[in-house]
């Protein structure tokens, strides 16, 4: 995607490894923000990365570190 800031629906689908239909569903359900300046839908790469990171499942070592932080407080 050669460092683009905005992607089309098709490019966003490739980026997330889903179908364009899935992107449209995520947009419809207001899960993904989008831009539509000329009637064509664009998605910001930064927003797609944030969407991916929201689904992070912590590794066991991260949970242990968090427990240590809490016990020190």
PDB file of N, CA and C in Angstrom:
ATOM      1  N   UNK A   1       0.828  -1.193   0.000  1.00  0.00           N
ATOM      2  CA  UNK A   1       0.000   0.000   0.000  1.00  0.00           C
ATOM      3  C   UNK A   1       0.876   1.263   0.000  1.00  0.00           C
ATOM      4  N   UNK A   2       2.092   1.157  -0.316  1.00  0.00           N
ATOM      5  CA  UNK A   2       3.096   2.210  -0.428  1.00  0.00           C
ATOM      6  C   UNK A   2       2.833   3.487   0.377  1.00  0.00           C
ATOM      7  N   UNK A   3       2.666   3.315   1.703  1.00  0.00           N
ATOM      8  CA  UNK A   3       2.555   4.424   2.650  1.00  0.00           C
ATOM      9  C   UNK A   3       1.411   5.393   2.385  1.00  0.00           C
ATOM     10  N   UNK A   4       0.291   4.880   1.935  1.00  0.00           N
ATOM     11  CA  UNK A   4      -0.889   5.711   1.739  1.00  0.00           C
ATOM     12  C   UNK A   4      -1.496   6.055   3.093  1.00  0.00           C
ATOM     13  N   UNK A   5      -2.138   7.195   3.169  1.00  0.00           N
ATOM     14  CA  UNK A   5      -2.832   7.599   4.394  1.00  0.00           C
ATOM     15  C   UNK A   5      -4.285   7.120   4.334  1.00  0.00           C
ATOM     16  N   UNK A   6      -4.888   7.185   3.156  1.00  0.00           N
ATOM     17  CA  UNK A   6      -6.273   6.774   2.961  1.00  0.00           C
ATOM     18  C   UNK A   6      -6.342   5.630   1.966  1.00  0.00           C
ATOM     19  N   UNK A   7      -7.254   4.680   2.225  1.00  0.00           N
ATOM     20  CA  UNK A   7      -7.440   3.529   1.338  1.00  0.00           C
ATOM     21  C   UNK A   7      -8.880   3.470   0.869  1.00  0.00           C
ATOM     22  N   UNK A   8      -9.064   2.900  -0.312  1.00  0.00           N
ATOM     23  CA  UNK A   8     -10.412   2.621  -0.787  1.00  0.00           C
ATOM     24  C   UNK A   8     -10.939   1.408  -0.015  1.00  0.00           C
ATOM     25  N   UNK A   9     -12.212   1.107  -0.182  1.00  0.00           N
ATOM     26  CA  UNK A   9     -12.788  -0.060   0.488  1.00  0.00           C
ATOM     27  C   UNK A   9     -12.057  -1.328   0.059  1.00  0.00           C
ATOM     28  N   UNK A  10     -11.780  -1.443  -1.214  1.00  0.00           N
ATOM     29  CA  UNK A  10     -11.095  -2.633  -1.727  1.00  0.00           C
ATOM     30  C   UNK A  10      -9.688  -2.750  -1.121  1.00  0.00           C
ATOM     31  N   UNK A  11      -8.964  -1.643  -1.051  1.00  0.00           N
ATOM     32  CA  UNK A  11      -7.617  -1.657  -0.469  1.00  0.00           C
ATOM     33  C   UNK A  11      -7.677  -1.960   1.026  1.00  0.00           C
ATOM     34  N   UNK A  12      -8.667  -1.396   1.713  1.00  0.00           N
ATOM     35  CA  UNK A  12      -8.832  -1.661   3.148  1.00  0.00           C
ATOM     36  C   UNK A  12      -9.130  -3.136   3.387  1.00  0.00           C
ATOM     37  N   UNK A  13      -9.919  -3.734   2.509  1.00  0.00           N
ATOM     38  CA  UNK A  13     -10.236  -5.160   2.625  1.00  0.00           C
ATOM     39  C   UNK A  13      -8.969  -6.001   2.482  1.00  0.00           C
ATOM     40  N   UNK A  14      -8.133  -5.652   1.543  1.00  0.00           N
ATOM     41  CA  UNK A  14      -6.859  -6.371   1.360  1.00  0.00           C
ATOM     42  C   UNK A  14      -5.987  -6.175   2.601  1.00  0.00           C
ATOM     43  N   UNK A  15      -5.932  -4.955   3.110  1.00  0.00           N
ATOM     44  CA  UNK A  15      -5.129  -4.636   4.289  1.00  0.00           C
ATOM     45  C   UNK A  15      -5.554  -5.466   5.499  1.00  0.00           C
ATOM     46  N   UNK A  16      -6.877  -5.608   5.710  1.00  0.00           N
ATOM     47  CA  UNK A  16      -7.396  -6.360   6.853  1.00  0.00           C
ATOM     48  C   UNK A  16      -7.602  -7.845   6.556  1.00  0.00           C
ATOM     49  N   UNK A  17      -7.377  -8.224   5.291  1.00  0.00           N
ATOM     50  CA  UNK A  17      -7.561  -9.618   4.857  1.00  0.00           C
ATOM     51  C   UNK A  17      -9.010 -10.086   5.072  1.00  0.00           C
ATOM     52  N   UNK A  18      -9.944  -9.221   4.648  1.00  0.00           N
ATOM     53  CA  UNK A  18     -11.370  -9.532   4.675  1.00  0.00           C
ATOM     54  C   UNK A  18     -11.956  -9.152   3.321  1.00  0.00           C
ATOM     55  N   UNK A  19     -13.231  -9.385   3.137  1.00  0.00           N
ATOM     56  CA  UNK A  19     -13.875  -9.013   1.876  1.00  0.00           C
ATOM     57  C   UNK A  19     -14.341  -7.557   1.934  1.00  0.00           C
ATOM     58  N   UNK A  20     -14.508  -6.927   0.773  1.00  0.00           N
ATOM     59  CA  UNK A  20     -15.069  -5.572   0.756  1.00  0.00           C
ATOM     60  C   UNK A  20     -16.450  -5.530   1.430  1.00  0.00           C
ATOM     61  N   UNK A  21     -17.202  -6.598   1.304  1.00  0.00           N
ATOM     62  CA  UNK A  21     -18.511  -6.683   1.952  1.00  0.00           C
ATOM     63  C   UNK A  21     -18.376  -6.537   3.474  1.00  0.00           C
ATOM     64  N   UNK A  22     -17.357  -7.144   4.047  1.00  0.00           N
ATOM     65  CA  UNK A  22     -17.114  -7.032   5.486  1.00  0.00           C
ATOM     66  C   UNK A  22     -16.794  -5.590   5.870  1.00  0.00           C
ATOM     67  N   UNK A  23     -16.016  -4.918   5.038  1.00  0.00           N
ATOM     68  CA  UNK A  23     -15.689  -3.508   5.300  1.00  0.00           C
ATOM     69  C   UNK A  23     -16.972  -2.682   5.311  1.00  0.00           C
ATOM     70  N   UNK A  24     -17.834  -2.888   4.311  1.00  0.00           N
ATOM     71  CA  UNK A  24     -19.098  -2.147   4.259  1.00  0.00           C
ATOM     72  C   UNK A  24     -19.972  -2.439   5.479  1.00  0.00           C
ATOM     73  N   UNK A  25     -19.967  -3.676   5.958  1.00  0.00           N
ATOM     74  CA  UNK A  25     -20.738  -4.022   7.161  1.00  0.00           C
ATOM     75  C   UNK A  25     -20.184  -3.296   8.384  1.00  0.00           C
ATOM     76  N   UNK A  26     -18.863  -3.265   8.515  1.00  0.00           N
ATOM     77  CA  UNK A  26     -18.236  -2.571   9.637  1.00  0.00           C
ATOM     78  C   UNK A  26     -18.522  -1.068   9.592  1.00  0.00           C
ATOM     79  N   UNK A  27     -18.572  -0.516   8.392  1.00  0.00           N
ATOM     80  CA  UNK A  27     -18.917   0.891   8.224  1.00  0.00           C
ATOM     81  C   UNK A  27     -20.384   1.116   8.608  1.00  0.00           C
ATOM     82  N   UNK A  28     -21.254   0.260   8.095  1.00  0.00           N
ATOM     83  CA  UNK A  28     -22.694   0.378   8.363  1.00  0.00           C
ATOM     84  C   UNK A  28     -22.997   0.327   9.861  1.00  0.00           C
ATOM     85  N   UNK A  29     -22.305  -0.541  10.582  1.00  0.00           N
ATOM     86  CA  UNK A  29     -22.518  -0.695  12.024  1.00  0.00           C
ATOM     87  C   UNK A  29     -21.683   0.299  12.848  1.00  0.00           C
ATOM     88  N   UNK A  30     -21.071   1.256  12.150  1.00  0.00           N
ATOM     89  CA  UNK A  30     -20.277   2.319  12.776  1.00  0.00           C
ATOM     90  C   UNK A  30     -19.114   1.792  13.627  1.00  0.00           C
ATOM     91  N   UNK A  31     -18.541   0.692  13.164  1.00  0.00           N
ATOM     92  CA  UNK A  31     -17.358   0.125  13.816  1.00  0.00           C
ATOM     93  C   UNK A  31     -16.104   0.789  13.251  1.00  0.00           C
ATOM     94  N   UNK A  32     -16.134   1.085  11.955  1.00  0.00           N
ATOM     95  CA  UNK A  32     -15.014   1.753  11.298  1.00  0.00           C
ATOM     96  C   UNK A  32     -15.434   3.154  10.851  1.00  0.00           C
ATOM     97  N   UNK A  33     -14.641   4.167  11.203  1.00  0.00           N
ATOM     98  CA  UNK A  33     -14.927   5.507  10.680  1.00  0.00           C
ATOM     99  C   UNK A  33     -14.505   5.576   9.216  1.00  0.00           C
ATOM    100  N   UNK A  34     -15.162   6.437   8.460  1.00  0.00           N
ATOM    101  CA  UNK A  34     -14.831   6.559   7.040  1.00  0.00           C
ATOM    102  C   UNK A  34     -15.008   7.993   6.583  1.00  0.00           C
ATOM    103  N   UNK A  35     -14.504   8.257   5.404  1.00  0.00           N
ATOM    104  CA  UNK A  35     -14.566   9.584   4.795  1.00  0.00           C
ATOM    105  C   UNK A  35     -15.192   9.425   3.417  1.00  0.00           C
ATOM    106  N   UNK A  36     -16.037  10.377   3.044  1.00  0.00           N
ATOM    107  CA  UNK A  36     -16.745  10.277   1.767  1.00  0.00           C
ATOM    108  C   UNK A  36     -16.802  11.672   1.115  1.00  0.00           C
ATOM    109  N   UNK A  37     -15.633  12.216   0.766  1.00  0.00           N
ATOM    110  CA  UNK A  37     -15.609  13.590   0.254  1.00  0.00           C
ATOM    111  C   UNK A  37     -16.217  13.773  -1.132  1.00  0.00           C
ATOM    112  N   UNK A  38     -16.126  12.765  -1.957  1.00  0.00           N
ATOM    113  CA  UNK A  38     -16.613  12.896  -3.344  1.00  0.00           C
ATOM    114  C   UNK A  38     -17.611  11.800  -3.696  1.00  0.00           C
ATOM    115  N   UNK A  39     -18.210  11.186  -2.687  1.00  0.00           N
ATOM    116  CA  UNK A  39     -19.137  10.097  -2.940  1.00  0.00           C
ATOM    117  C   UNK A  39     -18.481   8.732  -2.879  1.00  0.00           C
ATOM    118  N   UNK A  40     -17.166   8.701  -2.897  1.00  0.00           N
ATOM    119  CA  UNK A  40     -16.432   7.447  -2.788  1.00  0.00           C
ATOM    120  C   UNK A  40     -15.925   7.286  -1.356  1.00  0.00           C
ATOM    121  N   UNK A  41     -16.016   6.080  -0.820  1.00  0.00           N
ATOM    122  CA  UNK A  41     -15.641   5.824   0.575  1.00  0.00           C
ATOM    123  C   UNK A  41     -14.133   5.601   0.706  1.00  0.00           C
ATOM    124  N   UNK A  42     -13.551   6.279   1.687  1.00  0.00           N
ATOM    125  CA  UNK A  42     -12.135   6.117   2.012  1.00  0.00           C
ATOM    126  C   UNK A  42     -11.999   5.818   3.499  1.00  0.00           C
ATOM    127  N   UNK A  43     -10.996   5.032   3.837  1.00  0.00           N
ATOM    128  CA  UNK A  43     -10.713   4.705   5.236  1.00  0.00           C
ATOM    129  C   UNK A  43      -9.264   5.055   5.527  1.00  0.00           C
ATOM    130  N   UNK A  44      -9.037   5.586   6.714  1.00  0.00           N
ATOM    131  CA  UNK A  44      -7.698   5.987   7.119  1.00  0.00           C
ATOM    132  C   UNK A  44      -6.941   4.764   7.644  1.00  0.00           C
ATOM    133  N   UNK A  45      -5.725   4.572   7.181  1.00  0.00           N
ATOM    134  CA  UNK A  45      -4.895   3.445   7.606  1.00  0.00           C
ATOM    135  C   UNK A  45      -4.753   3.451   9.126  1.00  0.00           C
ATOM    136  N   UNK A  46      -4.555   4.617   9.698  1.00  0.00           N
ATOM    137  CA  UNK A  46      -4.415   4.759  11.152  1.00  0.00           C
ATOM    138  C   UNK A  46      -5.649   4.189  11.882  1.00  0.00           C
ATOM    139  N   UNK A  47      -6.845   4.430  11.336  1.00  0.00           N
ATOM    140  CA  UNK A  47      -8.074   3.901  11.938  1.00  0.00           C
ATOM    141  C   UNK A  47      -8.152   2.382  11.813  1.00  0.00           C
ATOM    142  N   UNK A  48      -7.672   1.849  10.696  1.00  0.00           N
ATOM    143  CA  UNK A  48      -7.683   0.395  10.501  1.00  0.00           C
ATOM    144  C   UNK A  48      -6.726  -0.282  11.481  1.00  0.00           C
ATOM    145  N   UNK A  49      -5.578   0.325  11.706  1.00  0.00           N
ATOM    146  CA  UNK A  49      -4.609  -0.223  12.660  1.00  0.00           C
ATOM    147  C   UNK A  49      -5.195  -0.181  14.070  1.00  0.00           C
ATOM    148  N   UNK A  50      -5.838   0.926  14.415  1.00  0.00           N
ATOM    149  CA  UNK A  50      -6.475   1.040  15.739  1.00  0.00           C
ATOM    150  C   UNK A  50      -7.558  -0.028  15.904  1.00  0.00           C
ATOM    151  N   UNK A  51      -8.329  -0.275  14.852  1.00  0.00           N
ATOM    152  CA  UNK A  51      -9.359  -1.311  14.876  1.00  0.00           C
ATOM    153  C   UNK A  51      -8.733  -2.682  15.151  1.00  0.00           C
ATOM    154  N   UNK A  52      -7.628  -2.982  14.486  1.00  0.00           N
ATOM    155  CA  UNK A  52      -6.937  -4.255  14.715  1.00  0.00           C
ATOM    156  C   UNK A  52      -6.430  -4.371  16.143  1.00  0.00           C
ATOM    157  N   UNK A  53      -5.867  -3.289  16.647  1.00  0.00           N
ATOM    158  CA  UNK A  53      -5.283  -3.323  17.988  1.00  0.00           C
ATOM    159  C   UNK A  53      -6.334  -3.436  19.087  1.00  0.00           C
ATOM    160  N   UNK A  54      -7.563  -3.072  18.807  1.00  0.00           N
ATOM    161  CA  UNK A  54      -8.638  -3.217  19.791  1.00  0.00           C
ATOM    162  C   UNK A  54      -8.925  -4.682  20.077  1.00  0.00           C
ATOM    163  N   UNK A  55      -8.572  -5.545  19.152  1.00  0.00           N
ATOM    164  CA  UNK A  55      -8.828  -6.969  19.321  1.00  0.00           C
ATOM    165  C   UNK A  55      -7.662  -7.728  19.936  1.00  0.00           C
ATOM    166  N   UNK A  56      -6.708  -7.001  20.504  1.00  0.00           N
ATOM    167  CA  UNK A  56      -5.519  -7.647  21.056  1.00  0.00           C
ATOM    168  C   UNK A  56      -5.872  -8.543  22.239  1.00  0.00           C
ATOM    169  N   UNK A  57      -5.334  -9.745  22.205  1.00  0.00           N
ATOM    170  CA  UNK A  57      -5.445 -10.673  23.331  1.00  0.00           C
ATOM    171  C   UNK A  57      -4.072 -10.685  23.995  1.00  0.00           C
ATOM    172  N   UNK A  58      -4.033 -10.364  25.268  1.00  0.00           N
ATOM    173  CA  UNK A  58      -2.747 -10.253  25.963  1.00  0.00           C
ATOM    174  C   UNK A  58      -2.103 -11.621  26.167  1.00  0.00           C
ATOM    175  N   UNK A  59      -0.780 -11.624  26.060  1.00  0.00           N
ATOM    176  CA  UNK A  59       0.012 -12.822  26.339  1.00  0.00           C
ATOM    177  C   UNK A  59       0.092 -13.009  27.848  1.00  0.00           C
ATOM    178  N   UNK A  60       0.377 -14.218  28.258  1.00  0.00           N
ATOM    179  CA  UNK A  60       0.417 -14.516  29.692  1.00  0.00           C
ATOM    180  C   UNK A  60       1.430 -13.643  30.431  1.00  0.00           C
ATOM    181  N   UNK A  61       2.576 -13.367  29.820  1.00  0.00           N
ATOM    182  CA  UNK A  61       3.581 -12.551  30.494  1.00  0.00           C
ATOM    183  C   UNK A  61       3.089 -11.128  30.695  1.00  0.00           C
ATOM    184  N   UNK A  62       2.235 -10.616  29.792  1.00  0.00           N
ATOM    185  CA  UNK A  62       1.683  -9.274  29.962  1.00  0.00           C
ATOM    186  C   UNK A  62       0.720  -9.238  31.145  1.00  0.00           C
ATOM    187  N   UNK A  63      -0.028 -10.305  31.331  1.00  0.00           N
ATOM    188  CA  UNK A  63      -0.967 -10.382  32.449  1.00  0.00           C
ATOM    189  C   UNK A  63      -0.217 -10.445  33.773  1.00  0.00           C
ATOM    190  N   UNK A  64       0.886 -11.191  33.800  1.00  0.00           N
ATOM    191  CA  UNK A  64       1.698 -11.298  35.013  1.00  0.00           C
ATOM    192  C   UNK A  64       2.282  -9.933  35.365  1.00  0.00           C
ATOM    193  N   UNK A  65       2.784  -9.213  34.353  1.00  0.00           N
ATOM    194  CA  UNK A  65       3.347  -7.883  34.599  1.00  0.00           C
ATOM    195  C   UNK A  65       2.285  -6.945  35.158  1.00  0.00           C
ATOM    196  N   UNK A  66       1.076  -7.022  34.628  1.00  0.00           N
ATOM    197  CA  UNK A  66      -0.020  -6.175  35.094  1.00  0.00           C
ATOM    198  C   UNK A  66      -0.348  -6.490  36.554  1.00  0.00           C
ATOM    199  N   UNK A  67      -0.340  -7.775  36.925  1.00  0.00           N
ATOM    200  CA  UNK A  67      -0.606  -8.171  38.301  1.00  0.00           C
ATOM    201  C   UNK A  67       0.464  -7.602  39.244  1.00  0.00           C
ATOM    202  N   UNK A  68       1.717  -7.614  38.794  1.00  0.00           N
ATOM    203  CA  UNK A  68       2.805  -7.079  39.607  1.00  0.00           C
ATOM    204  C   UNK A  68       2.615  -5.577  39.834  1.00  0.00           C
ATOM    205  N   UNK A  69       2.209  -4.854  38.775  1.00  0.00           N
ATOM    206  CA  UNK A  69       1.980  -3.422  38.890  1.00  0.00           C
ATOM    207  C   UNK A  69       0.877  -3.134  39.902  1.00  0.00           C
ATOM    208  N   UNK A  70      -0.185  -3.889  39.868  1.00  0.00           N
ATOM    209  CA  UNK A  70      -1.313  -3.687  40.765  1.00  0.00           C
ATOM    210  C   UNK A  70      -0.916  -3.988  42.205  1.00  0.00           C
ATOM    211  N   UNK A  71      -0.115  -5.015  42.424  1.00  0.00           N
ATOM    212  CA  UNK A  71       0.267  -5.391  43.791  1.00  0.00           C
ATOM    213  C   UNK A  71       1.213  -4.364  44.426  1.00  0.00           C
ATOM    214  N   UNK A  72       1.913  -3.572  43.606  1.00  0.00           N
ATOM    215  CA  UNK A  72       2.813  -2.536  44.134  1.00  0.00           C
ATOM    216  C   UNK A  72       2.044  -1.288  44.551  1.00  0.00           C
ATOM    217  N   UNK A  73       0.862  -1.121  44.073  1.00  0.00           N
ATOM    218  CA  UNK A  73       0.094   0.112  44.344  1.00  0.00           C
ATOM    219  C   UNK A  73      -0.576   0.081  45.669  1.00  0.00           C
TER     220      UNK A  73
END
